[in-house]
Protein backbone atom coordinates (compact mmCIF):
# COMPACT_ATOMS: atom_id res chain seq x y z
CA MET A 1 11.11 -55.44 -5.32
CA SER A 2 10.52 -55.04 -8.91
CA ILE A 3 9.04 -52.28 -10.55
CA ASN A 4 6.27 -54.88 -11.56
CA TYR A 5 4.49 -54.30 -7.90
CA TYR A 6 4.44 -50.61 -8.60
CA LEU A 7 2.83 -51.25 -11.87
CA PHE A 8 0.21 -53.36 -10.76
CA LEU A 9 -0.27 -51.45 -8.03
CA SER A 10 -0.38 -48.31 -9.61
CA ALA A 11 -3.11 -49.55 -12.71
CA ALA A 12 -5.14 -50.59 -10.05
CA LEU A 13 -5.54 -47.59 -7.95
CA PHE A 14 -5.98 -45.35 -11.08
CA SER A 15 -8.75 -48.58 -12.12
CA ILE A 16 -10.67 -47.76 -8.88
CA GLY A 17 -10.75 -44.51 -8.99
CA ALA A 18 -11.31 -44.10 -12.85
CA PHE A 19 -14.34 -46.58 -12.11
CA GLY A 20 -15.08 -44.33 -8.63
CA VAL A 21 -15.70 -41.28 -11.07
CA MET A 22 -17.43 -42.81 -13.28
CA PHE A 23 -20.56 -44.53 -11.25
CA ARG A 24 -20.93 -42.69 -7.98
CA ARG A 25 -23.24 -40.43 -7.37
CA ASN A 26 -21.35 -38.48 -4.72
CA ALA A 27 -19.91 -35.43 -5.24
CA ILE A 28 -17.30 -35.66 -1.95
CA MET A 29 -16.15 -39.63 -3.38
CA LYS A 30 -15.59 -38.42 -6.83
CA PHE A 31 -13.13 -35.63 -5.57
CA MET A 32 -11.59 -38.59 -3.52
CA CYS A 33 -11.83 -40.79 -6.56
CA ILE A 34 -9.77 -38.16 -8.47
CA GLU A 35 -7.34 -37.87 -5.27
CA LEU A 36 -7.03 -41.82 -5.29
CA MET A 37 -6.10 -41.89 -9.63
CA LEU A 38 -4.04 -38.77 -8.96
CA ASN A 39 -1.85 -40.70 -6.41
CA ALA A 40 -1.86 -43.66 -8.41
CA VAL A 41 -0.08 -41.44 -10.93
CA ASN A 42 2.28 -40.06 -8.93
CA LEU A 43 3.18 -43.51 -7.38
CA LEU A 44 4.12 -44.34 -11.24
CA MET A 45 6.38 -41.62 -11.36
CA VAL A 46 8.34 -42.31 -8.22
CA ALA A 47 8.70 -45.65 -9.10
CA PHE A 48 9.93 -45.02 -12.38
CA SER A 49 12.41 -42.23 -11.10
CA THR A 50 13.65 -44.60 -9.16
CA VAL A 51 14.51 -46.93 -11.52
CA TRP A 52 15.97 -45.35 -13.66
CA GLY A 53 17.55 -43.09 -11.14
CA GLN A 54 16.51 -38.99 -11.97
CA ALA A 55 15.32 -37.20 -9.53
CA GLN A 56 13.29 -34.60 -11.94
CA ALA A 57 9.87 -37.19 -11.77
CA GLN A 58 9.94 -36.73 -7.99
CA VAL A 59 10.45 -32.84 -7.95
CA PHE A 60 7.28 -32.81 -10.42
CA VAL A 61 5.44 -34.86 -8.08
CA PHE A 62 5.61 -31.95 -5.47
CA PHE A 63 3.93 -30.05 -7.86
CA ILE A 64 1.29 -32.24 -8.45
CA MET A 65 0.71 -32.61 -5.04
CA ALA A 66 0.02 -28.60 -4.71
CA VAL A 67 -1.97 -28.78 -7.66
CA ALA A 68 -4.10 -31.04 -6.56
CA ALA A 69 -4.51 -29.67 -3.08
CA ALA A 70 -5.29 -26.60 -4.55
CA GLU A 71 -8.21 -28.39 -6.59
CA VAL A 72 -9.43 -29.92 -3.53
CA ALA A 73 -9.59 -26.79 -1.60
CA VAL A 74 -11.77 -24.97 -4.69
CA GLY A 75 -13.43 -27.77 -5.27
CA LEU A 76 -15.05 -28.39 -2.07
CA ALA A 77 -15.86 -25.25 -1.16
CA ILE A 78 -17.76 -24.88 -4.58
CA LEU A 79 -19.82 -28.08 -3.60
CA MET A 80 -20.02 -26.66 0.32
CA MET A 81 -22.44 -23.45 -1.72
CA ILE A 82 -23.98 -26.17 -3.82
CA PHE A 83 -25.29 -27.94 -0.62
CA ARG A 84 -26.51 -24.43 1.06
CA ASN A 85 -28.79 -24.52 -2.38
CA ILE A 86 -30.08 -27.08 -2.90
CA GLN A 87 -29.04 -29.55 0.46
CA SER A 88 -27.14 -32.22 -1.11
CA THR A 89 -24.41 -33.55 -2.61
CA ASP A 90 -26.02 -35.57 -5.75
CA THR A 91 -24.39 -35.01 -8.55
CA SER A 92 -27.64 -36.00 -10.81
CA ILE A 93 -29.42 -33.07 -9.35
CA LEU A 94 -27.01 -30.56 -10.42
CA SER A 95 -28.29 -31.15 -14.46
CA LYS A 96 -31.35 -30.02 -12.92
CA MET A 97 -30.46 -26.90 -11.73
CA LYS A 98 -31.42 -23.21 -13.19
CA TRP A 99 -28.87 -20.93 -14.12
């Protein structure tokens, strides 16, 4: 299989994730779109690593996945605290919160 298929798939996944982050209001959906963007980048890195025959990028993908898992854990914990206080996950409401 040619690398062009991986390039197009990765670009499509990243575009879907970017549009989701820009246009969705639900914070959980934004987290999912960010994860989709990270996975698109991981797919591209693994594809290039396979084509060039170097394993460094594949090792780096594991670090990206670990950081993404930590980001989701912290983000969901913050989101749960926000949901307990304002009873919504809509991000447009967050700008009205008092500090």
